[in-house]
Amino acid sequence: MSDTTTADRLRTALSDVAYPAAKEQLADHASRNNADEDTVHAVRSLPEGVYDSFDQVVESVAIDERRD
């Protein structure tokens, strides 16, 4: 399992999130949207807090675009 994901995977996993959203809400959405295990883990690894936008999540999560 990895703590990284890609921006595309994250965008798909969080497509229905209404911001602002707490870390726990983001993780719940990722799980409910059937995100892959690494993406869910990456979201759960976010620092505690409330995120105002998808861009703020991307800035805080570990992104690795080399992943396939």
PDB file of N, CA and C in Angstrom:
ATOM      1  N   MET A   1       0.855  -1.182   0.000  1.00  0.00           N
ATOM      2  CA  MET A   1       0.000   0.000   0.000  1.00  0.00           C
ATOM      3  C   MET A   1       0.896   1.239   0.000  1.00  0.00           C
ATOM      4  N   SER A   2       0.447   2.254  -0.678  1.00  0.00           N
ATOM      5  CA  SER A   2       1.211   3.485  -0.827  1.00  0.00           C
ATOM      6  C   SER A   2       0.418   4.670  -0.272  1.00  0.00           C
ATOM      7  N   ASP A   3       1.148   5.708   0.101  1.00  0.00           N
ATOM      8  CA  ASP A   3       0.504   6.948   0.551  1.00  0.00           C
ATOM      9  C   ASP A   3       0.346   7.931  -0.594  1.00  0.00           C
ATOM     10  N   THR A   4       0.558   7.478  -1.825  1.00  0.00           N
ATOM     11  CA  THR A   4       0.488   8.395  -2.969  1.00  0.00           C
ATOM     12  C   THR A   4      -0.657   8.013  -3.902  1.00  0.00           C
ATOM     13  N   THR A   5      -1.045   8.988  -4.696  1.00  0.00           N
ATOM     14  CA  THR A   5      -2.068   8.793  -5.724  1.00  0.00           C
ATOM     15  C   THR A   5      -1.755   9.748  -6.866  1.00  0.00           C
ATOM     16  N   THR A   6      -2.589   9.762  -7.873  1.00  0.00           N
ATOM     17  CA  THR A   6      -2.431  10.725  -8.963  1.00  0.00           C
ATOM     18  C   THR A   6      -3.550  11.757  -8.858  1.00  0.00           C
ATOM     19  N   ALA A   7      -3.360  12.894  -9.500  1.00  0.00           N
ATOM     20  CA  ALA A   7      -4.391  13.934  -9.478  1.00  0.00           C
ATOM     21  C   ALA A   7      -5.673  13.425 -10.140  1.00  0.00           C
ATOM     22  N   ASP A   8      -5.548  12.642 -11.210  1.00  0.00           N
ATOM     23  CA  ASP A   8      -6.735  12.122 -11.888  1.00  0.00           C
ATOM     24  C   ASP A   8      -7.514  11.159 -11.003  1.00  0.00           C
ATOM     25  N   ARG A   9      -6.803  10.258 -10.333  1.00  0.00           N
ATOM     26  CA  ARG A   9      -7.483   9.324  -9.423  1.00  0.00           C
ATOM     27  C   ARG A   9      -8.171  10.080  -8.298  1.00  0.00           C
ATOM     28  N   LEU A  10      -7.490  11.078  -7.777  1.00  0.00           N
ATOM     29  CA  LEU A  10      -8.052  11.872  -6.686  1.00  0.00           C
ATOM     30  C   LEU A  10      -9.282  12.638  -7.159  1.00  0.00           C
ATOM     31  N   ARG A  11      -9.206  13.218  -8.342  1.00  0.00           N
ATOM     32  CA  ARG A  11     -10.335  13.968  -8.902  1.00  0.00           C
ATOM     33  C   ARG A  11     -11.564  13.063  -9.043  1.00  0.00           C
ATOM     34  N   THR A  12     -11.362  11.844  -9.526  1.00  0.00           N
ATOM     35  CA  THR A  12     -12.460  10.889  -9.668  1.00  0.00           C
ATOM     36  C   THR A  12     -13.026  10.507  -8.300  1.00  0.00           C
ATOM     37  N   ALA A  13     -12.150  10.247  -7.349  1.00  0.00           N
ATOM     38  CA  ALA A  13     -12.582   9.814  -6.024  1.00  0.00           C
ATOM     39  C   ALA A  13     -13.359  10.887  -5.275  1.00  0.00           C
ATOM     40  N   LEU A  14     -13.037  12.148  -5.546  1.00  0.00           N
ATOM     41  CA  LEU A  14     -13.648  13.253  -4.794  1.00  0.00           C
ATOM     42  C   LEU A  14     -14.588  14.092  -5.660  1.00  0.00           C
ATOM     43  N   SER A  15     -15.054  13.528  -6.746  1.00  0.00           N
ATOM     44  CA  SER A  15     -15.856  14.283  -7.715  1.00  0.00           C
ATOM     45  C   SER A  15     -17.152  14.845  -7.149  1.00  0.00           C
ATOM     46  N   ASP A  16     -17.712  14.210  -6.136  1.00  0.00           N
ATOM     47  CA  ASP A  16     -19.009  14.651  -5.601  1.00  0.00           C
ATOM     48  C   ASP A  16     -18.906  15.359  -4.250  1.00  0.00           C
ATOM     49  N   VAL A  17     -17.699  15.771  -3.873  1.00  0.00           N
ATOM     50  CA  VAL A  17     -17.509  16.430  -2.579  1.00  0.00           C
ATOM     51  C   VAL A  17     -17.999  17.877  -2.647  1.00  0.00           C
ATOM     52  N   ALA A  18     -18.756  18.275  -1.626  1.00  0.00           N
ATOM     53  CA  ALA A  18     -19.156  19.679  -1.464  1.00  0.00           C
ATOM     54  C   ALA A  18     -18.177  20.314  -0.475  1.00  0.00           C
ATOM     55  N   TYR A  19     -17.434  21.272  -0.964  1.00  0.00           N
ATOM     56  CA  TYR A  19     -16.436  21.955  -0.122  1.00  0.00           C
ATOM     57  C   TYR A  19     -17.072  23.151   0.560  1.00  0.00           C
ATOM     58  N   PRO A  20     -16.602  23.496   1.747  1.00  0.00           N
ATOM     59  CA  PRO A  20     -15.492  22.914   2.489  1.00  0.00           C
ATOM     60  C   PRO A  20     -15.849  21.536   3.041  1.00  0.00           C
ATOM     61  N   ALA A  21     -14.793  20.701   3.212  1.00  0.00           N
ATOM     62  CA  ALA A  21     -14.981  19.337   3.700  1.00  0.00           C
ATOM     63  C   ALA A  21     -13.822  18.951   4.616  1.00  0.00           C
ATOM     64  N   ALA A  22     -14.154  18.248   5.677  1.00  0.00           N
ATOM     65  CA  ALA A  22     -13.148  17.764   6.616  1.00  0.00           C
ATOM     66  C   ALA A  22     -12.463  16.529   6.038  1.00  0.00           C
ATOM     67  N   LYS A  23     -11.289  16.251   6.538  1.00  0.00           N
ATOM     68  CA  LYS A  23     -10.512  15.088   6.103  1.00  0.00           C
ATOM     69  C   LYS A  23     -11.362  13.820   6.142  1.00  0.00           C
ATOM     70  N   GLU A  24     -12.122  13.619   7.207  1.00  0.00           N
ATOM     71  CA  GLU A  24     -12.935  12.411   7.349  1.00  0.00           C
ATOM     72  C   GLU A  24     -13.981  12.311   6.244  1.00  0.00           C
ATOM     73  N   GLN A  25     -14.583  13.456   5.884  1.00  0.00           N
ATOM     74  CA  GLN A  25     -15.562  13.468   4.798  1.00  0.00           C
ATOM     75  C   GLN A  25     -14.906  13.103   3.475  1.00  0.00           C
ATOM     76  N   LEU A  26     -13.714  13.612   3.244  1.00  0.00           N
ATOM     77  CA  LEU A  26     -12.994  13.308   2.011  1.00  0.00           C
ATOM     78  C   LEU A  26     -12.693  11.817   1.924  1.00  0.00           C
ATOM     79  N   ALA A  27     -12.244  11.228   3.022  1.00  0.00           N
ATOM     80  CA  ALA A  27     -11.950   9.793   3.036  1.00  0.00           C
ATOM     81  C   ALA A  27     -13.215   8.973   2.796  1.00  0.00           C
ATOM     82  N   ASP A  28     -14.327   9.387   3.403  1.00  0.00           N
ATOM     83  CA  ASP A  28     -15.599   8.685   3.192  1.00  0.00           C
ATOM     84  C   ASP A  28     -16.020   8.735   1.727  1.00  0.00           C
ATOM     85  N   HIS A  29     -15.904   9.897   1.103  1.00  0.00           N
ATOM     86  CA  HIS A  29     -16.262  10.032  -0.313  1.00  0.00           C
ATOM     87  C   HIS A  29     -15.372   9.144  -1.184  1.00  0.00           C
ATOM     88  N   ALA A  30     -14.083   9.139  -0.902  1.00  0.00           N
ATOM     89  CA  ALA A  30     -13.165   8.316  -1.687  1.00  0.00           C
ATOM     90  C   ALA A  30     -13.551   6.840  -1.581  1.00  0.00           C
ATOM     91  N   SER A  31     -13.861   6.391  -0.377  1.00  0.00           N
ATOM     92  CA  SER A  31     -14.263   4.990  -0.185  1.00  0.00           C
ATOM     93  C   SER A  31     -15.568   4.684  -0.900  1.00  0.00           C
ATOM     94  N   ARG A  32     -16.544   5.552  -0.744  1.00  0.00           N
ATOM     95  CA  ARG A  32     -17.859   5.334  -1.368  1.00  0.00           C
ATOM     96  C   ARG A  32     -17.789   5.376  -2.889  1.00  0.00           C
ATOM     97  N   ASN A  33     -16.834   6.115  -3.426  1.00  0.00           N
ATOM     98  CA  ASN A  33     -16.683   6.215  -4.878  1.00  0.00           C
ATOM     99  C   ASN A  33     -15.765   5.131  -5.432  1.00  0.00           C
ATOM    100  N   ASN A  34     -15.507   4.120  -4.601  1.00  0.00           N
ATOM    101  CA  ASN A  34     -14.710   2.962  -5.016  1.00  0.00           C
ATOM    102  C   ASN A  34     -13.311   3.325  -5.508  1.00  0.00           C
ATOM    103  N   ALA A  35     -12.703   4.292  -4.845  1.00  0.00           N
ATOM    104  CA  ALA A  35     -11.325   4.650  -5.189  1.00  0.00           C
ATOM    105  C   ALA A  35     -10.411   3.475  -4.864  1.00  0.00           C
ATOM    106  N   ASP A  36      -9.314   3.389  -5.578  1.00  0.00           N
ATOM    107  CA  ASP A  36      -8.358   2.323  -5.288  1.00  0.00           C
ATOM    108  C   ASP A  36      -7.796   2.503  -3.876  1.00  0.00           C
ATOM    109  N   GLU A  37      -7.274   1.425  -3.336  1.00  0.00           N
ATOM    110  CA  GLU A  37      -6.807   1.406  -1.948  1.00  0.00           C
ATOM    111  C   GLU A  37      -5.746   2.472  -1.676  1.00  0.00           C
ATOM    112  N   ASP A  38      -4.825   2.679  -2.615  1.00  0.00           N
ATOM    113  CA  ASP A  38      -3.770   3.670  -2.413  1.00  0.00           C
ATOM    114  C   ASP A  38      -4.328   5.093  -2.349  1.00  0.00           C
ATOM    115  N   THR A  39      -5.329   5.383  -3.170  1.00  0.00           N
ATOM    116  CA  THR A  39      -5.932   6.718  -3.154  1.00  0.00           C
ATOM    117  C   THR A  39      -6.653   6.957  -1.834  1.00  0.00           C
ATOM    118  N   VAL A  40      -7.403   5.974  -1.373  1.00  0.00           N
ATOM    119  CA  VAL A  40      -8.088   6.112  -0.070  1.00  0.00           C
ATOM    120  C   VAL A  40      -7.055   6.302   1.028  1.00  0.00           C
ATOM    121  N   HIS A  41      -5.983   5.547   0.988  1.00  0.00           N
ATOM    122  CA  HIS A  41      -4.941   5.675   2.008  1.00  0.00           C
ATOM    123  C   HIS A  41      -4.284   7.058   1.945  1.00  0.00           C
ATOM    124  N   ALA A  42      -4.040   7.553   0.745  1.00  0.00           N
ATOM    125  CA  ALA A  42      -3.450   8.889   0.598  1.00  0.00           C
ATOM    126  C   ALA A  42      -4.356   9.958   1.187  1.00  0.00           C
ATOM    127  N   VAL A  43      -5.661   9.831   0.972  1.00  0.00           N
ATOM    128  CA  VAL A  43      -6.613  10.801   1.534  1.00  0.00           C
ATOM    129  C   VAL A  43      -6.631  10.682   3.055  1.00  0.00           C
ATOM    130  N   ARG A  44      -6.607   9.473   3.563  1.00  0.00           N
ATOM    131  CA  ARG A  44      -6.600   9.289   5.028  1.00  0.00           C
ATOM    132  C   ARG A  44      -5.306   9.797   5.652  1.00  0.00           C
ATOM    133  N   SER A  45      -4.255   9.945   4.850  1.00  0.00           N
ATOM    134  CA  SER A  45      -2.973  10.450   5.349  1.00  0.00           C
ATOM    135  C   SER A  45      -2.882  11.977   5.337  1.00  0.00           C
ATOM    136  N   LEU A  46      -3.924  12.630   4.855  1.00  0.00           N
ATOM    137  CA  LEU A  46      -3.945  14.102   4.862  1.00  0.00           C
ATOM    138  C   LEU A  46      -3.841  14.621   6.292  1.00  0.00           C
ATOM    139  N   PRO A  47      -3.261  15.804   6.463  1.00  0.00           N
ATOM    140  CA  PRO A  47      -3.291  16.423   7.787  1.00  0.00           C
ATOM    141  C   PRO A  47      -4.741  16.704   8.212  1.00  0.00           C
ATOM    142  N   GLU A  48      -5.007  16.602   9.506  1.00  0.00           N
ATOM    143  CA  GLU A  48      -6.340  16.916  10.011  1.00  0.00           C
ATOM    144  C   GLU A  48      -6.702  18.341   9.618  1.00  0.00           C
ATOM    145  N   GLY A  49      -7.968  18.564   9.335  1.00  0.00           N
ATOM    146  CA  GLY A  49      -8.407  19.909   9.018  1.00  0.00           C
ATOM    147  C   GLY A  49      -9.567  19.916   8.057  1.00  0.00           C
ATOM    148  N   VAL A  50      -9.962  21.116   7.693  1.00  0.00           N
ATOM    149  CA  VAL A  50     -11.047  21.331   6.748  1.00  0.00           C
ATOM    150  C   VAL A  50     -10.433  21.901   5.473  1.00  0.00           C
ATOM    151  N   TYR A  51     -10.812  21.325   4.346  1.00  0.00           N
ATOM    152  CA  TYR A  51     -10.269  21.715   3.047  1.00  0.00           C
ATOM    153  C   TYR A  51     -11.329  22.497   2.282  1.00  0.00           C
ATOM    154  N   ASP A  52     -10.933  23.671   1.801  1.00  0.00           N
ATOM    155  CA  ASP A  52     -11.870  24.585   1.145  1.00  0.00           C
ATOM    156  C   ASP A  52     -12.105  24.279  -0.327  1.00  0.00           C
ATOM    157  N   SER A  53     -11.223  23.487  -0.939  1.00  0.00           N
ATOM    158  CA  SER A  53     -11.347  23.218  -2.363  1.00  0.00           C
ATOM    159  C   SER A  53     -10.553  21.970  -2.742  1.00  0.00           C
ATOM    160  N   PHE A  54     -10.844  21.457  -3.931  1.00  0.00           N
ATOM    161  CA  PHE A  54     -10.082  20.330  -4.449  1.00  0.00           C
ATOM    162  C   PHE A  54      -8.609  20.714  -4.584  1.00  0.00           C
ATOM    163  N   ASP A  55      -8.339  21.930  -5.034  1.00  0.00           N
ATOM    164  CA  ASP A  55      -6.953  22.375  -5.192  1.00  0.00           C
ATOM    165  C   ASP A  55      -6.198  22.328  -3.871  1.00  0.00           C
ATOM    166  N   GLN A  56      -6.865  22.670  -2.789  1.00  0.00           N
ATOM    167  CA  GLN A  56      -6.223  22.620  -1.476  1.00  0.00           C
ATOM    168  C   GLN A  56      -5.909  21.167  -1.089  1.00  0.00           C
ATOM    169  N   VAL A  57      -6.774  20.238  -1.448  1.00  0.00           N
ATOM    170  CA  VAL A  57      -6.511  18.822  -1.200  1.00  0.00           C
ATOM    171  C   VAL A  57      -5.291  18.385  -1.992  1.00  0.00           C
ATOM    172  N   VAL A  58      -5.242  18.742  -3.276  1.00  0.00           N
ATOM    173  CA  VAL A  58      -4.115  18.360  -4.130  1.00  0.00           C
ATOM    174  C   VAL A  58      -2.803  18.894  -3.564  1.00  0.00           C
ATOM    175  N   GLU A  59      -2.823  20.086  -3.015  1.00  0.00           N
ATOM    176  CA  GLU A  59      -1.612  20.669  -2.436  1.00  0.00           C
ATOM    177  C   GLU A  59      -1.162  19.922  -1.184  1.00  0.00           C
ATOM    178  N   SER A  60      -2.084  19.227  -0.531  1.00  0.00           N
ATOM    179  CA  SER A  60      -1.783  18.581   0.754  1.00  0.00           C
ATOM    180  C   SER A  60      -1.562  17.071   0.662  1.00  0.00           C
ATOM    181  N   VAL A  61      -2.040  16.448  -0.394  1.00  0.00           N
ATOM    182  CA  VAL A  61      -1.910  14.994  -0.526  1.00  0.00           C
ATOM    183  C   VAL A  61      -0.640  14.655  -1.298  1.00  0.00           C
ATOM    184  N   ALA A  62      -0.126  13.455  -1.084  1.00  0.00           N
ATOM    185  CA  ALA A  62       1.073  13.011  -1.798  1.00  0.00           C
ATOM    186  C   ALA A  62       0.698  12.559  -3.204  1.00  0.00           C
ATOM    187  N   ILE A  63       1.094  13.356  -4.194  1.00  0.00           N
ATOM    188  CA  ILE A  63       0.800  13.068  -5.603  1.00  0.00           C
ATOM    189  C   ILE A  63       2.055  12.478  -6.249  1.00  0.00           C
ATOM    190  N   ASP A  64       1.864  11.410  -6.997  1.00  0.00           N
ATOM    191  CA  ASP A  64       2.948  10.799  -7.772  1.00  0.00           C
ATOM    192  C   ASP A  64       2.419  10.506  -9.160  1.00  0.00           C
ATOM    193  N   GLU A  65       2.657  11.408 -10.094  1.00  0.00           N
ATOM    194  CA  GLU A  65       2.131  11.274 -11.447  1.00  0.00           C
ATOM    195  C   GLU A  65       2.828  10.175 -12.258  1.00  0.00           C
ATOM    196  N   ARG A  66       3.873   9.588 -11.710  1.00  0.00           N
ATOM    197  CA  ARG A  66       4.551   8.491 -12.403  1.00  0.00           C
ATOM    198  C   ARG A  66       3.779   7.187 -12.261  1.00  0.00           C
ATOM    199  N   ARG A  67       2.811   7.181 -11.377  1.00  0.00           N
ATOM    200  CA  ARG A  67       1.983   5.977 -11.180  1.00  0.00           C
ATOM    201  C   ARG A  67       1.097   5.775 -12.410  1.00  0.00           C
ATOM    202  N   ASP A  68       0.756   4.534 -12.663  1.00  0.00           N
ATOM    203  CA  ASP A  68      -0.136   4.251 -13.786  1.00  0.00           C
ATOM    204  C   ASP A  68      -1.543   4.017 -13.326  1.00  0.00           C
TER     205      ASP A  68
END
